[in-house]
Amino acid sequence: MSADTETAPAAVAGPARRTASPWVLMYHSVAEFTDPAEDPYGITVTPNTLEAQLLWLRARGLRGVSVGELLRARAAGRGRDLVGLTFDDGYTDFLTRALPLLRRHGCTATLFVLPGRLGVDNVWDPLGPRKPLLTAEQIREVAAAGMEIGSHGLLHQDLTAAPDDVLQQELRGSRDLLRQLAGTLPEGFCYPYGHLDARVVDATRAAGYGYACAISPGRLAGPHALPRTHVSQADGGGRLRVKQERHRLRELRRVVLP
């Protein structure tokens, strides 16, 4: 999810000029629920809500696409009408609930998966509820449907607390496993919990990823620390408009201010 794909021309001395990161939305699970206690972390939207949000984008002349597609368009001087769509963790409901809606509305998305936790559940969320994760075969099915597969690490660990050997396994090990699983090396990485620091960002770049997604990376924002906007069940058109404007103003300040 690299929004900073534009840099100063090679002939110009000095640091690469900063550019605004694209607007990238962060989803997790798409499932039916009625009680907030069923969604203690605020990671679930219902299918009807997701569809309404995709329609809201379309009504504003925007289309949701994978981060890879978005960054390639920006590098070619296009993409003003594109918004990045990401889904973290690789829940089975992406295949059963989200994918049909994305295809219906002509969208693509990036799905960040955990190749060290295939076919199990979200054990890292102690408050539950338990949500099943995609199997290897299901991930291949998602990729065959035109969605981008990225790495979320192996086991959903806070990488800022990981020793160097574990960090390398989470970055390089997960990338190699996904190449074996899907046939191609993933371009994108997503930091578990959104946690990152300079060491982790540098290691992610060195591991060969073309971009990486964070949540609120602050001064580390760039191609390997792309900010994202969390989308919840409560986000109707009014709230999405506020979040879009907040992203625009934050990026304007980041690019303009020293």
Protein backbone atom coordinates (compact mmCIF):
# COMPACT_ATOMS: atom_id res chain seq x y z
CA MET A 1 0.00 0.00 0.00
CA SER A 2 2.53 2.47 -0.91
CA ALA A 3 1.16 5.90 -1.44
CA ASP A 4 4.57 7.46 -1.59
CA THR A 5 5.38 5.88 -4.93
CA GLU A 6 6.19 9.26 -6.44
CA THR A 7 9.66 10.52 -5.55
CA ALA A 8 11.86 13.36 -6.67
CA PRO A 9 13.54 12.79 -10.07
CA ALA A 10 16.82 10.91 -9.80
CA ALA A 11 18.76 13.86 -11.16
CA VAL A 12 17.61 16.16 -8.38
CA ALA A 13 19.76 16.17 -5.28
CA GLY A 14 18.24 15.92 -1.85
CA PRO A 15 15.67 13.67 -0.19
CA ALA A 16 12.64 12.27 -1.99
CA ARG A 17 9.75 14.67 -1.71
CA ARG A 18 6.85 13.56 0.41
CA THR A 19 3.55 12.81 -1.25
CA ALA A 20 0.14 12.18 0.25
CA SER A 21 -0.78 8.61 1.01
CA PRO A 22 -3.90 7.30 -0.73
CA TRP A 23 -7.10 6.69 1.17
CA VAL A 24 -7.10 3.05 2.26
CA LEU A 25 -9.97 1.48 4.21
CA MET A 26 -9.38 -1.24 6.80
CA TYR A 27 -11.88 -4.05 7.30
CA HIS A 28 -11.61 -7.37 9.09
CA SER A 29 -14.69 -9.60 9.29
CA VAL A 30 -17.99 -9.50 7.38
CA ALA A 31 -20.70 -11.38 9.26
CA GLU A 32 -24.18 -11.07 10.69
CA PHE A 33 -24.43 -10.04 14.35
CA THR A 34 -27.03 -8.32 16.51
CA ASP A 35 -25.39 -7.90 19.93
CA PRO A 36 -22.35 -5.59 20.37
CA ALA A 37 -20.98 -8.23 22.74
CA GLU A 38 -20.53 -10.40 19.66
CA ASP A 39 -18.07 -7.82 18.31
CA PRO A 40 -16.02 -6.59 21.30
CA TYR A 41 -13.13 -5.34 19.14
CA GLY A 42 -15.31 -3.55 16.58
CA ILE A 43 -13.93 -5.58 13.68
CA THR A 44 -17.16 -6.86 12.15
CA VAL A 45 -19.51 -5.28 9.61
CA THR A 46 -22.61 -6.98 8.30
CA PRO A 47 -22.96 -7.77 4.59
CA ASN A 48 -25.68 -5.13 4.27
CA THR A 49 -23.41 -2.50 5.83
CA LEU A 50 -20.49 -3.41 3.59
CA GLU A 51 -22.71 -3.17 0.52
CA ALA A 52 -24.03 0.23 1.63
CA GLN A 53 -20.46 1.46 2.08
CA LEU A 54 -19.44 0.23 -1.37
CA LEU A 55 -22.48 1.99 -2.84
CA TRP A 56 -21.53 5.18 -0.98
CA LEU A 57 -18.10 5.07 -2.59
CA ARG A 58 -19.65 4.53 -6.02
CA ALA A 59 -22.06 7.44 -5.52
CA ARG A 60 -19.05 9.68 -4.90
CA GLY A 61 -17.33 8.50 -8.08
CA LEU A 62 -14.96 6.19 -6.22
CA ARG A 63 -14.20 2.49 -6.63
CA GLY A 64 -12.59 0.18 -4.11
CA VAL A 65 -9.53 -1.76 -5.30
CA SER A 66 -6.62 -3.73 -3.89
CA VAL A 67 -3.70 -1.75 -2.59
CA GLY A 68 -1.44 -3.16 -5.28
CA GLU A 69 -3.82 -1.99 -7.99
CA LEU A 70 -4.17 1.40 -6.34
CA LEU A 71 -0.42 1.95 -6.12
CA ARG A 72 0.21 0.88 -9.70
CA ALA A 73 -2.44 3.34 -10.87
CA ARG A 74 -0.88 6.16 -8.85
CA ALA A 75 2.57 5.35 -10.20
CA ALA A 76 1.11 5.76 -13.69
CA GLY A 77 -0.40 9.13 -12.81
CA ARG A 78 -3.93 7.75 -12.44
CA GLY A 79 -6.06 6.51 -9.58
CA ARG A 80 -7.81 9.64 -8.34
CA ASP A 81 -11.08 7.72 -8.40
CA LEU A 82 -9.69 4.70 -6.51
CA VAL A 83 -9.79 3.81 -2.82
CA GLY A 84 -7.83 0.96 -1.26
CA LEU A 85 -9.81 -1.84 0.38
CA THR A 86 -8.04 -4.13 2.86
CA PHE A 87 -9.30 -7.02 4.97
CA ASP A 88 -7.05 -8.18 7.80
CA ASP A 89 -6.59 -11.65 9.32
CA GLY A 90 -8.03 -13.83 6.55
CA TYR A 91 -11.39 -14.81 8.01
CA THR A 92 -13.43 -17.44 6.21
CA ASP A 93 -16.27 -14.95 5.93
CA PHE A 94 -14.21 -12.96 3.42
CA LEU A 95 -14.77 -15.78 0.96
CA THR A 96 -18.41 -16.39 1.83
CA ARG A 97 -19.68 -12.87 2.57
CA ALA A 98 -17.30 -10.15 1.35
CA LEU A 99 -16.10 -11.58 -1.95
CA PRO A 100 -19.56 -11.88 -3.58
CA LEU A 101 -20.29 -8.24 -2.73
CA LEU A 102 -16.94 -7.02 -3.99
CA ARG A 103 -17.46 -8.80 -7.30
CA ARG A 104 -21.03 -7.54 -7.59
CA HIS A 105 -19.84 -3.95 -7.35
CA GLY A 106 -16.76 -4.30 -9.54
CA CYS A 107 -14.28 -3.99 -6.68
CA THR A 108 -11.10 -5.78 -5.74
CA ALA A 109 -9.39 -5.87 -2.34
CA THR A 110 -6.25 -6.94 -0.54
CA LEU A 111 -6.67 -9.79 1.93
CA PHE A 112 -3.90 -10.06 4.52
CA VAL A 113 -3.58 -13.66 5.73
CA LEU A 114 -1.61 -15.63 8.33
CA PRO A 115 0.02 -18.67 6.70
CA GLY A 116 1.03 -19.94 10.14
CA ARG A 117 -2.62 -20.18 11.24
CA LEU A 118 -4.39 -21.71 8.26
CA GLY A 119 -7.80 -23.21 8.96
CA VAL A 120 -7.84 -22.42 12.69
CA ASP A 121 -9.28 -19.32 14.41
CA ASN A 122 -8.47 -15.91 15.88
CA VAL A 123 -6.80 -17.14 19.05
CA TRP A 124 -5.10 -13.73 19.50
CA ASP A 125 -8.49 -12.14 20.37
CA PRO A 126 -9.07 -13.33 23.94
CA LEU A 127 -12.54 -11.78 24.25
CA GLY A 128 -13.82 -13.71 21.23
CA PRO A 129 -15.95 -14.64 19.52
CA ARG A 130 -14.02 -17.33 17.70
CA LYS A 131 -13.92 -16.70 13.95
CA PRO A 132 -12.58 -19.37 11.56
CA LEU A 133 -9.66 -18.54 9.29
CA LEU A 134 -9.26 -19.51 5.66
CA THR A 135 -7.55 -22.73 4.65
CA ALA A 136 -4.80 -22.90 2.03
CA GLU A 137 -7.28 -24.04 -0.61
CA GLN A 138 -9.68 -21.21 0.25
CA ILE A 139 -6.89 -18.64 -0.03
CA ARG A 140 -6.10 -19.98 -3.49
CA GLU A 141 -9.80 -19.60 -4.33
CA VAL A 142 -9.74 -15.97 -3.21
CA ALA A 143 -6.63 -15.30 -5.31
CA ALA A 144 -8.18 -16.99 -8.34
CA ALA A 145 -11.15 -14.60 -7.98
CA GLY A 146 -8.83 -11.64 -8.63
CA MET A 147 -8.16 -10.51 -5.07
CA GLU A 148 -4.67 -9.61 -3.87
CA ILE A 149 -3.18 -11.80 -1.14
CA GLY A 150 -0.76 -10.14 1.27
CA SER A 151 1.03 -11.28 4.41
CA HIS A 152 -0.08 -10.48 7.94
CA GLY A 153 2.89 -12.35 9.36
CA LEU A 154 2.82 -15.96 10.52
CA LEU A 155 1.04 -15.88 13.87
CA HIS A 156 -0.36 -12.35 14.43
CA GLN A 157 2.38 -11.18 16.80
CA ASP A 158 3.38 -7.69 17.88
CA LEU A 159 6.52 -7.33 15.78
CA THR A 160 7.89 -4.42 17.81
CA ALA A 161 8.36 -6.86 20.71
CA ALA A 162 9.79 -9.68 18.59
CA PRO A 163 13.51 -10.53 18.66
CA ASP A 164 15.31 -10.27 15.34
CA ASP A 165 15.09 -13.98 14.47
CA VAL A 166 11.33 -14.07 15.11
CA LEU A 167 10.88 -10.84 13.16
CA GLN A 168 12.63 -12.39 10.15
CA GLN A 169 10.44 -15.49 10.35
CA GLU A 170 7.30 -13.39 10.53
CA LEU A 171 8.37 -11.32 7.52
CA ARG A 172 10.44 -13.58 5.27
CA GLY A 173 9.02 -16.89 6.46
CA SER A 174 5.42 -15.84 5.87
CA ARG A 175 6.34 -14.44 2.44
CA ASP A 176 7.97 -17.71 1.38
CA LEU A 177 5.01 -19.76 2.62
CA LEU A 178 2.58 -17.60 0.67
CA ARG A 179 4.66 -18.01 -2.46
CA GLN A 180 4.39 -21.79 -2.05
CA LEU A 181 0.67 -21.49 -1.36
CA ALA A 182 -0.37 -19.03 -4.07
CA GLY A 183 2.45 -19.38 -6.60
CA THR A 184 3.66 -15.76 -6.39
CA LEU A 185 5.45 -13.70 -3.78
CA PRO A 186 3.11 -11.30 -1.97
CA GLU A 187 3.79 -7.65 -2.64
CA GLY A 188 2.19 -6.31 0.53
CA PHE A 189 2.55 -6.76 4.28
CA CYS A 190 0.26 -5.67 7.11
CA TYR A 191 1.58 -5.04 10.64
CA PRO A 192 -0.36 -7.05 13.25
CA TYR A 193 -2.27 -4.74 15.61
CA GLY A 194 -0.90 -1.86 13.52
CA HIS A 195 2.22 -1.86 15.74
CA LEU A 196 5.46 -0.76 14.12
CA ASP A 197 8.68 1.10 14.75
CA ALA A 198 11.66 2.07 12.62
CA ARG A 199 13.35 -1.33 13.10
CA VAL A 200 10.26 -3.21 11.94
CA VAL A 201 9.67 -0.91 8.97
CA ASP A 202 13.30 -1.26 7.84
CA ALA A 203 13.12 -5.05 8.17
CA THR A 204 9.89 -5.16 6.17
CA ARG A 205 11.46 -3.18 3.35
CA ALA A 206 14.57 -5.37 3.44
CA ALA A 207 12.42 -8.52 3.29
CA GLY A 208 11.34 -7.51 -0.22
CA TYR A 209 7.82 -6.19 0.30
CA GLY A 210 6.81 -3.43 -2.07
CA TYR A 211 4.52 -1.81 0.49
CA ALA A 212 3.19 -2.33 4.00
CA CYS A 213 0.02 -1.25 5.77
CA ALA A 214 -0.20 0.24 9.23
CA ILE A 215 -3.00 2.14 10.96
CA SER A 216 -1.62 5.43 12.29
CA PRO A 217 2.13 5.37 11.57
CA GLY A 218 2.79 9.02 12.34
CA ARG A 219 6.20 10.22 11.15
CA LEU A 220 7.02 6.76 9.80
CA ALA A 221 4.29 7.11 7.16
CA GLY A 222 5.41 6.13 3.69
CA PRO A 223 5.36 3.19 1.27
CA HIS A 224 6.18 0.72 4.07
CA ALA A 225 3.94 2.35 6.66
CA LEU A 226 0.73 3.31 4.88
CA PRO A 227 -2.00 4.78 7.10
CA ARG A 228 -5.46 3.26 6.92
CA THR A 229 -8.95 4.25 8.01
CA HIS A 230 -10.74 1.73 10.21
CA VAL A 231 -14.30 1.08 8.99
CA SER A 232 -16.94 -0.10 11.45
CA GLN A 233 -20.56 -1.18 11.52
CA ALA A 234 -21.49 2.35 12.61
CA ASP A 235 -20.00 4.04 9.54
CA GLY A 236 -22.75 5.36 7.34
CA GLY A 237 -22.27 7.98 4.67
CA GLY A 238 -21.89 10.89 7.09
CA ARG A 239 -19.19 9.21 9.16
CA LEU A 240 -17.34 8.00 6.07
CA ARG A 241 -17.32 11.55 4.70
CA VAL A 242 -15.80 12.82 7.96
CA LYS A 243 -13.17 10.07 7.91
CA GLN A 244 -12.29 10.84 4.30
CA GLU A 245 -11.83 14.52 5.11
CA ARG A 246 -9.79 13.70 8.21
CA HIS A 247 -7.47 11.58 6.09
CA ARG A 248 -7.12 14.36 3.51
CA LEU A 249 -6.24 16.98 6.11
CA ARG A 250 -3.79 14.70 7.92
CA GLU A 251 -1.95 13.93 4.70
CA LEU A 252 -1.94 17.59 3.69
CA ARG A 253 -0.26 18.49 6.98
CA ARG A 254 2.22 15.64 6.66
CA VAL A 255 3.27 16.62 3.14
CA VAL A 256 3.39 20.38 3.66
CA LEU A 257 4.87 20.68 7.14
CA PRO A 258 8.60 19.99 7.70
